[in-house]
PDB file of all heavy atoms in Angstrom:
ATOM      1  N   ARG A   1      -0.522  -9.797 -51.055  1.00  0.00           N
ATOM      2  CA  ARG A   1      -0.041 -10.085 -49.700  1.00  0.00           C
ATOM      3  C   ARG A   1      -0.671 -11.350 -49.133  1.00  0.00           C
ATOM      4  O   ARG A   1      -0.201 -11.888 -48.125  1.00  0.00           O
ATOM      5  CB  ARG A   1      -0.342  -8.908 -48.772  1.00  0.00           C
ATOM      6  CG  ARG A   1       0.389  -7.608 -49.128  1.00  0.00           C
ATOM      7  CD  ARG A   1       0.252  -6.605 -47.988  1.00  0.00           C
ATOM      8  NE  ARG A   1       0.722  -5.272 -48.345  1.00  0.00           N
ATOM      9  CZ  ARG A   1       1.975  -4.857 -48.262  1.00  0.00           C
ATOM     10  NH1 ARG A   1       2.918  -5.708 -47.857  1.00  0.00           N
ATOM     11  NH2 ARG A   1       2.302  -3.616 -48.588  1.00  0.00           N
ATOM     12  N   ALA A   2      -1.745 -11.828 -49.751  1.00  0.00           N
ATOM     13  CA  ALA A   2      -2.455 -13.001 -49.252  1.00  0.00           C
ATOM     14  C   ALA A   2      -2.082 -14.221 -50.078  1.00  0.00           C
ATOM     15  O   ALA A   2      -2.266 -14.241 -51.298  1.00  0.00           O
ATOM     16  CB  ALA A   2      -3.961 -12.760 -49.314  1.00  0.00           C
ATOM     17  N   GLU A   3      -1.567 -15.239 -49.412  1.00  0.00           N
ATOM     18  CA  GLU A   3      -1.164 -16.451 -50.131  1.00  0.00           C
ATOM     19  C   GLU A   3      -2.347 -17.348 -50.462  1.00  0.00           C
ATOM     20  O   GLU A   3      -2.215 -18.297 -51.244  1.00  0.00           O
ATOM     21  CB  GLU A   3      -0.117 -17.236 -49.322  1.00  0.00           C
ATOM     22  CG  GLU A   3      -0.569 -17.668 -47.944  1.00  0.00           C
ATOM     23  CD  GLU A   3      -0.265 -16.622 -46.869  1.00  0.00           C
ATOM     24  OE1 GLU A   3      -0.536 -15.428 -47.091  1.00  0.00           O
ATOM     25  OE2 GLU A   3       0.220 -17.019 -45.794  1.00  0.00           O
ATOM     26  N   TYR A   4      -3.533 -17.059 -49.882  1.00  0.00           N
ATOM     27  CA  TYR A   4      -4.725 -17.870 -50.140  1.00  0.00           C
ATOM     28  C   TYR A   4      -5.813 -17.024 -50.793  1.00  0.00           C
ATOM     29  O   TYR A   4      -6.968 -17.001 -50.354  1.00  0.00           O
ATOM     30  CB  TYR A   4      -5.231 -18.485 -48.825  1.00  0.00           C
ATOM     31  CG  TYR A   4      -4.175 -19.249 -48.071  1.00  0.00           C
ATOM     32  CD1 TYR A   4      -3.722 -18.813 -46.836  1.00  0.00           C
ATOM     33  CD2 TYR A   4      -3.611 -20.404 -48.606  1.00  0.00           C
ATOM     34  CE1 TYR A   4      -2.752 -19.508 -46.139  1.00  0.00           C
ATOM     35  CE2 TYR A   4      -2.632 -21.108 -47.923  1.00  0.00           C
ATOM     36  CZ  TYR A   4      -2.206 -20.649 -46.687  1.00  0.00           C
ATOM     37  OH  TYR A   4      -1.223 -21.341 -46.005  1.00  0.00           O
ATOM     38  N   ARG A   5      -5.447 -16.323 -51.851  1.00  0.00           N
ATOM     39  CA  ARG A   5      -6.383 -15.384 -52.466  1.00  0.00           C
ATOM     40  C   ARG A   5      -7.663 -16.042 -52.965  1.00  0.00           C
ATOM     41  O   ARG A   5      -8.731 -15.448 -52.899  1.00  0.00           O
ATOM     42  CB  ARG A   5      -5.702 -14.653 -53.638  1.00  0.00           C
ATOM     43  CG  ARG A   5      -4.627 -13.693 -53.215  1.00  0.00           C
ATOM     44  CD  ARG A   5      -4.100 -12.899 -54.386  1.00  0.00           C
ATOM     45  NE  ARG A   5      -3.371 -13.707 -55.347  1.00  0.00           N
ATOM     46  CZ  ARG A   5      -2.092 -14.051 -55.219  1.00  0.00           C
ATOM     47  NH1 ARG A   5      -1.410 -13.665 -54.153  1.00  0.00           N
ATOM     48  NH2 ARG A   5      -1.486 -14.770 -56.129  1.00  0.00           N
ATOM     49  N   ILE A   6      -7.554 -17.245 -53.483  1.00  0.00           N
ATOM     50  CA  ILE A   6      -8.741 -17.893 -54.043  1.00  0.00           C
ATOM     51  C   ILE A   6      -9.726 -18.266 -52.929  1.00  0.00           C
ATOM     52  O   ILE A   6     -10.926 -18.417 -53.168  1.00  0.00           O
ATOM     53  CB  ILE A   6      -8.356 -19.145 -54.880  1.00  0.00           C
ATOM     54  CG1 ILE A   6      -9.525 -19.590 -55.774  1.00  0.00           C
ATOM     55  CG2 ILE A   6      -7.889 -20.277 -53.995  1.00  0.00           C
ATOM     56  CD1 ILE A   6      -9.835 -18.642 -56.873  1.00  0.00           C
ATOM     57  N   LEU A   7      -9.241 -18.396 -51.684  1.00  0.00           N
ATOM     58  CA  LEU A   7     -10.120 -18.681 -50.553  1.00  0.00           C
ATOM     59  C   LEU A   7     -10.720 -17.418 -49.955  1.00  0.00           C
ATOM     60  O   LEU A   7     -11.716 -17.487 -49.227  1.00  0.00           O
ATOM     61  CB  LEU A   7      -9.354 -19.433 -49.450  1.00  0.00           C
ATOM     62  CG  LEU A   7      -8.711 -20.766 -49.810  1.00  0.00           C
ATOM     63  CD1 LEU A   7      -8.037 -21.370 -48.584  1.00  0.00           C
ATOM     64  CD2 LEU A   7      -9.727 -21.738 -50.386  1.00  0.00           C
ATOM     65  N   LEU A   8     -10.098 -16.257 -50.252  1.00  0.00           N
ATOM     66  CA  LEU A   8     -10.489 -15.006 -49.609  1.00  0.00           C
ATOM     67  C   LEU A   8     -11.192 -14.068 -50.585  1.00  0.00           C
ATOM     68  O   LEU A   8     -10.985 -12.862 -50.567  1.00  0.00           O
ATOM     69  CB  LEU A   8      -9.254 -14.310 -49.015  1.00  0.00           C
ATOM     70  CG  LEU A   8      -8.404 -15.132 -48.057  1.00  0.00           C
ATOM     71  CD1 LEU A   8      -7.254 -14.297 -47.505  1.00  0.00           C
ATOM     72  CD2 LEU A   8      -9.243 -15.692 -46.910  1.00  0.00           C
ATOM     73  N   ARG A   9     -12.049 -14.612 -51.433  1.00  0.00           N
ATOM     74  CA  ARG A   9     -12.731 -13.805 -52.432  1.00  0.00           C
ATOM     75  C   ARG A   9     -13.765 -12.894 -51.779  1.00  0.00           C
ATOM     76  O   ARG A   9     -14.290 -13.190 -50.714  1.00  0.00           O
ATOM     77  CB  ARG A   9     -13.417 -14.714 -53.453  1.00  0.00           C
ATOM     78  CG  ARG A   9     -12.502 -15.756 -54.095  1.00  0.00           C
ATOM     79  CD  ARG A   9     -13.255 -16.590 -55.119  1.00  0.00           C
ATOM     80  NE  ARG A   9     -14.525 -17.084 -54.641  1.00  0.00           N
ATOM     81  CZ  ARG A   9     -14.674 -18.183 -53.897  1.00  0.00           C
ATOM     82  NH1 ARG A   9     -13.622 -18.900 -53.548  1.00  0.00           N
ATOM     83  NH2 ARG A   9     -15.879 -18.578 -53.521  1.00  0.00           N
ATOM     84  N   GLN A  10     -14.073 -11.794 -52.483  1.00  0.00           N
ATOM     85  CA  GLN A  10     -15.069 -10.870 -51.953  1.00  0.00           C
ATOM     86  C   GLN A  10     -16.482 -11.451 -51.986  1.00  0.00           C
ATOM     87  O   GLN A  10     -17.323 -11.091 -51.166  1.00  0.00           O
ATOM     88  CB  GLN A  10     -15.016  -9.549 -52.727  1.00  0.00           C
ATOM     89  CG  GLN A  10     -15.174  -9.673 -54.241  1.00  0.00           C
ATOM     90  CD  GLN A  10     -16.606  -9.683 -54.722  1.00  0.00           C
ATOM     91  OE1 GLN A  10     -17.473  -9.098 -54.095  1.00  0.00           O
ATOM     92  NE2 GLN A  10     -16.851 -10.343 -55.842  1.00  0.00           N
ATOM     93  N   ASP A  11     -16.732 -12.394 -52.897  1.00  0.00           N
ATOM     94  CA  ASP A  11     -18.103 -12.904 -53.034  1.00  0.00           C
ATOM     95  C   ASP A  11     -18.493 -13.841 -51.898  1.00  0.00           C
ATOM     96  O   ASP A  11     -19.682 -14.034 -51.638  1.00  0.00           O
ATOM     97  CB  ASP A  11     -18.259 -13.637 -54.373  1.00  0.00           C
ATOM     98  CG  ASP A  11     -17.416 -14.911 -54.434  1.00  0.00           C
ATOM     99  OD1 ASP A  11     -16.220 -14.808 -54.764  1.00  0.00           O
ATOM    100  OD2 ASP A  11     -17.927 -16.000 -54.132  1.00  0.00           O
ATOM    101  N   ASP A  12     -17.505 -14.458 -51.216  1.00  0.00           N
ATOM    102  CA  ASP A  12     -17.855 -15.454 -50.204  1.00  0.00           C
ATOM    103  C   ASP A  12     -17.462 -15.027 -48.793  1.00  0.00           C
ATOM    104  O   ASP A  12     -17.348 -15.852 -47.891  1.00  0.00           O
ATOM    105  CB  ASP A  12     -17.227 -16.806 -50.534  1.00  0.00           C
ATOM    106  CG  ASP A  12     -15.739 -16.871 -50.210  1.00  0.00           C
ATOM    107  OD1 ASP A  12     -15.082 -15.813 -50.213  1.00  0.00           O
ATOM    108  OD2 ASP A  12     -15.248 -17.985 -49.948  1.00  0.00           O
ATOM    109  N   ALA A  13     -17.266 -13.722 -48.575  1.00  0.00           N
ATOM    110  CA  ALA A  13     -16.900 -13.249 -47.242  1.00  0.00           C
ATOM    111  C   ALA A  13     -17.961 -13.654 -46.213  1.00  0.00           C
ATOM    112  O   ALA A  13     -17.641 -13.999 -45.073  1.00  0.00           O
ATOM    113  CB  ALA A  13     -16.713 -11.737 -47.247  1.00  0.00           C
ATOM    114  N   ASP A  14     -19.229 -13.607 -46.617  1.00  0.00           N
ATOM    115  CA  ASP A  14     -20.281 -14.000 -45.670  1.00  0.00           C
ATOM    116  C   ASP A  14     -20.236 -15.488 -45.368  1.00  0.00           C
ATOM    117  O   ASP A  14     -20.480 -15.912 -44.226  1.00  0.00           O
ATOM    118  CB  ASP A  14     -21.664 -13.589 -46.185  1.00  0.00           C
ATOM    119  CG  ASP A  14     -21.972 -14.145 -47.567  1.00  0.00           C
ATOM    120  OD1 ASP A  14     -21.031 -14.521 -48.295  1.00  0.00           O
ATOM    121  OD2 ASP A  14     -23.167 -14.178 -47.943  1.00  0.00           O
ATOM    122  N   MET A  15     -19.888 -16.303 -46.350  1.00  0.00           N
ATOM    123  CA  MET A  15     -19.788 -17.743 -46.112  1.00  0.00           C
ATOM    124  C   MET A  15     -18.654 -18.057 -45.133  1.00  0.00           C
ATOM    125  O   MET A  15     -18.750 -18.964 -44.304  1.00  0.00           O
ATOM    126  CB  MET A  15     -19.539 -18.482 -47.439  1.00  0.00           C
ATOM    127  CG  MET A  15     -20.675 -18.382 -48.444  1.00  0.00           C
ATOM    128  SD  MET A  15     -22.194 -19.211 -47.917  1.00  0.00           S
ATOM    129  CE  MET A  15     -23.235 -17.800 -47.535  1.00  0.00           C
ATOM    130  N   ARG A  16     -17.583 -17.281 -45.218  1.00  0.00           N
ATOM    131  CA  ARG A  16     -16.425 -17.514 -44.346  1.00  0.00           C
ATOM    132  C   ARG A  16     -16.640 -16.989 -42.928  1.00  0.00           C
ATOM    133  O   ARG A  16     -16.216 -17.614 -41.952  1.00  0.00           O
ATOM    134  CB  ARG A  16     -15.186 -16.823 -44.939  1.00  0.00           C
ATOM    135  CG  ARG A  16     -14.632 -17.448 -46.184  1.00  0.00           C
ATOM    136  CD  ARG A  16     -13.382 -16.741 -46.653  1.00  0.00           C
ATOM    137  NE  ARG A  16     -13.649 -15.552 -47.460  1.00  0.00           N
ATOM    138  CZ  ARG A  16     -13.264 -14.332 -47.151  1.00  0.00           C
ATOM    139  NH1 ARG A  16     -12.607 -14.101 -46.024  1.00  0.00           N
ATOM    140  NH2 ARG A  16     -13.526 -13.305 -47.960  1.00  0.00           N
ATOM    141  N   LEU A  17     -17.271 -15.817 -42.805  1.00  0.00           N
ATOM    142  CA  LEU A  17     -17.194 -15.087 -41.540  1.00  0.00           C
ATOM    143  C   LEU A  17     -18.523 -14.908 -40.800  1.00  0.00           C
ATOM    144  O   LEU A  17     -18.504 -14.634 -39.600  1.00  0.00           O
ATOM    145  CB  LEU A  17     -16.567 -13.714 -41.800  1.00  0.00           C
ATOM    146  CG  LEU A  17     -15.153 -13.750 -42.396  1.00  0.00           C
ATOM    147  CD1 LEU A  17     -14.650 -12.350 -42.697  1.00  0.00           C
ATOM    148  CD2 LEU A  17     -14.192 -14.455 -41.447  1.00  0.00           C
ATOM    149  N   THR A  18     -19.651 -15.051 -41.472  1.00  0.00           N
ATOM    150  CA  THR A  18     -20.916 -14.914 -40.748  1.00  0.00           C
ATOM    151  C   THR A  18     -21.065 -15.954 -39.641  1.00  0.00           C
ATOM    152  O   THR A  18     -21.578 -15.629 -38.557  1.00  0.00           O
ATOM    153  CB  THR A  18     -22.114 -14.982 -41.713  1.00  0.00           C
ATOM    154  OG1 THR A  18     -22.008 -13.906 -42.654  1.00  0.00           O
ATOM    155  CG2 THR A  18     -23.426 -14.838 -40.955  1.00  0.00           C
ATOM    156  N   PRO A  19     -20.610 -17.204 -39.826  1.00  0.00           N
ATOM    157  CA  PRO A  19     -20.671 -18.151 -38.695  1.00  0.00           C
ATOM    158  C   PRO A  19     -19.877 -17.672 -37.484  1.00  0.00           C
ATOM    159  O   PRO A  19     -20.277 -17.909 -36.340  1.00  0.00           O
ATOM    160  CB  PRO A  19     -20.072 -19.435 -39.288  1.00  0.00           C
ATOM    161  CG  PRO A  19     -20.281 -19.325 -40.756  1.00  0.00           C
ATOM    162  CD  PRO A  19     -20.140 -17.866 -41.063  1.00  0.00           C
ATOM    163  N   ILE A  20     -18.763 -16.974 -37.735  1.00  0.00           N
ATOM    164  CA  ILE A  20     -17.973 -16.429 -36.629  1.00  0.00           C
ATOM    165  C   ILE A  20     -18.738 -15.304 -35.954  1.00  0.00           C
ATOM    166  O   ILE A  20     -18.788 -15.213 -34.719  1.00  0.00           O
ATOM    167  CB  ILE A  20     -16.607 -15.933 -37.143  1.00  0.00           C
ATOM    168  CG1 ILE A  20     -15.782 -17.117 -37.667  1.00  0.00           C
ATOM    169  CG2 ILE A  20     -15.847 -15.194 -36.050  1.00  0.00           C
ATOM    170  CD1 ILE A  20     -14.468 -16.709 -38.312  1.00  0.00           C
ATOM    171  N   ALA A  21     -19.361 -14.435 -36.758  1.00  0.00           N
ATOM    172  CA  ALA A  21     -20.161 -13.346 -36.197  1.00  0.00           C
ATOM    173  C   ALA A  21     -21.313 -13.896 -35.366  1.00  0.00           C
ATOM    174  O   ALA A  21     -21.662 -13.339 -34.312  1.00  0.00           O
ATOM    175  CB  ALA A  21     -20.691 -12.454 -37.319  1.00  0.00           C
ATOM    176  N   GLU A  22     -21.908 -14.982 -35.819  1.00  0.00           N
ATOM    177  CA  GLU A  22     -22.993 -15.612 -35.060  1.00  0.00           C
ATOM    178  C   GLU A  22     -22.463 -16.146 -33.733  1.00  0.00           C
ATOM    179  O   GLU A  22     -23.093 -15.968 -32.682  1.00  0.00           O
ATOM    180  CB  GLU A  22     -23.608 -16.749 -35.882  1.00  0.00           C
ATOM    181  CG  GLU A  22     -24.744 -17.467 -35.164  1.00  0.00           C
ATOM    182  CD  GLU A  22     -25.300 -18.628 -35.961  1.00  0.00           C
ATOM    183  OE1 GLU A  22     -24.576 -19.160 -36.831  1.00  0.00           O
ATOM    184  OE2 GLU A  22     -26.448 -19.014 -35.698  1.00  0.00           O
ATOM    185  N   ARG A  23     -21.298 -16.759 -33.754  1.00  0.00           N
ATOM    186  CA  ARG A  23     -20.734 -17.361 -32.546  1.00  0.00           C
ATOM    187  C   ARG A  23     -20.411 -16.317 -31.472  1.00  0.00           C
ATOM    188  O   ARG A  23     -20.669 -16.536 -30.293  1.00  0.00           O
ATOM    189  CB  ARG A  23     -19.465 -18.138 -32.897  1.00  0.00           C
ATOM    190  CG  ARG A  23     -18.898 -18.941 -31.740  1.00  0.00           C
ATOM    191  CD  ARG A  23     -17.618 -19.653 -32.119  1.00  0.00           C
ATOM    192  NE  ARG A  23     -16.484 -18.752 -32.145  1.00  0.00           N
ATOM    193  CZ  ARG A  23     -15.656 -18.602 -33.169  1.00  0.00           C
ATOM    194  NH1 ARG A  23     -15.857 -19.277 -34.288  1.00  0.00           N
ATOM    195  NH2 ARG A  23     -14.638 -17.774 -33.099  1.00  0.00           N
ATOM    196  N   ILE A  24     -19.861 -15.161 -31.907  1.00  0.00           N
ATOM    197  CA  ILE A  24     -19.453 -14.166 -30.915  1.00  0.00           C
ATOM    198  C   ILE A  24     -20.592 -13.224 -30.531  1.00  0.00           C
ATOM    199  O   ILE A  24     -20.476 -12.496 -29.550  1.00  0.00           O
ATOM    200  CB  ILE A  24     -18.246 -13.338 -31.407  1.00  0.00           C
ATOM    201  CG1 ILE A  24     -18.614 -12.502 -32.643  1.00  0.00           C
ATOM    202  CG2 ILE A  24     -17.057 -14.239 -31.684  1.00  0.00           C
ATOM    203  CD1 ILE A  24     -17.498 -11.591 -33.108  1.00  0.00           C
ATOM    204  N   GLY A  25     -21.671 -13.213 -31.304  1.00  0.00           N
ATOM    205  CA  GLY A  25     -22.830 -12.411 -30.941  1.00  0.00           C
ATOM    206  C   GLY A  25     -22.981 -11.105 -31.691  1.00  0.00           C
ATOM    207  O   GLY A  25     -23.735 -10.229 -31.256  1.00  0.00           O
ATOM    208  N   LEU A  26     -22.309 -10.943 -32.841  1.00  0.00           N
ATOM    209  CA  LEU A  26     -22.426  -9.710 -33.622  1.00  0.00           C
ATOM    210  C   LEU A  26     -23.379  -9.844 -34.805  1.00  0.00           C
ATOM    211  O   LEU A  26     -23.702  -8.839 -35.438  1.00  0.00           O
ATOM    212  CB  LEU A  26     -21.050  -9.268 -34.137  1.00  0.00           C
ATOM    213  CG  LEU A  26     -20.266  -8.289 -33.256  1.00  0.00           C
ATOM    214  CD1 LEU A  26     -18.981  -7.856 -33.948  1.00  0.00           C
ATOM    215  CD2 LEU A  26     -21.096  -7.070 -32.884  1.00  0.00           C
TER     216      LEU A  26
END
């Protein structure tokens, strides 16, 4: 269902989303 599978790997979820969690305060 994801057209960008190579960008959405399980190994780099923290690289993608931890900056967002830091920004919003979680």
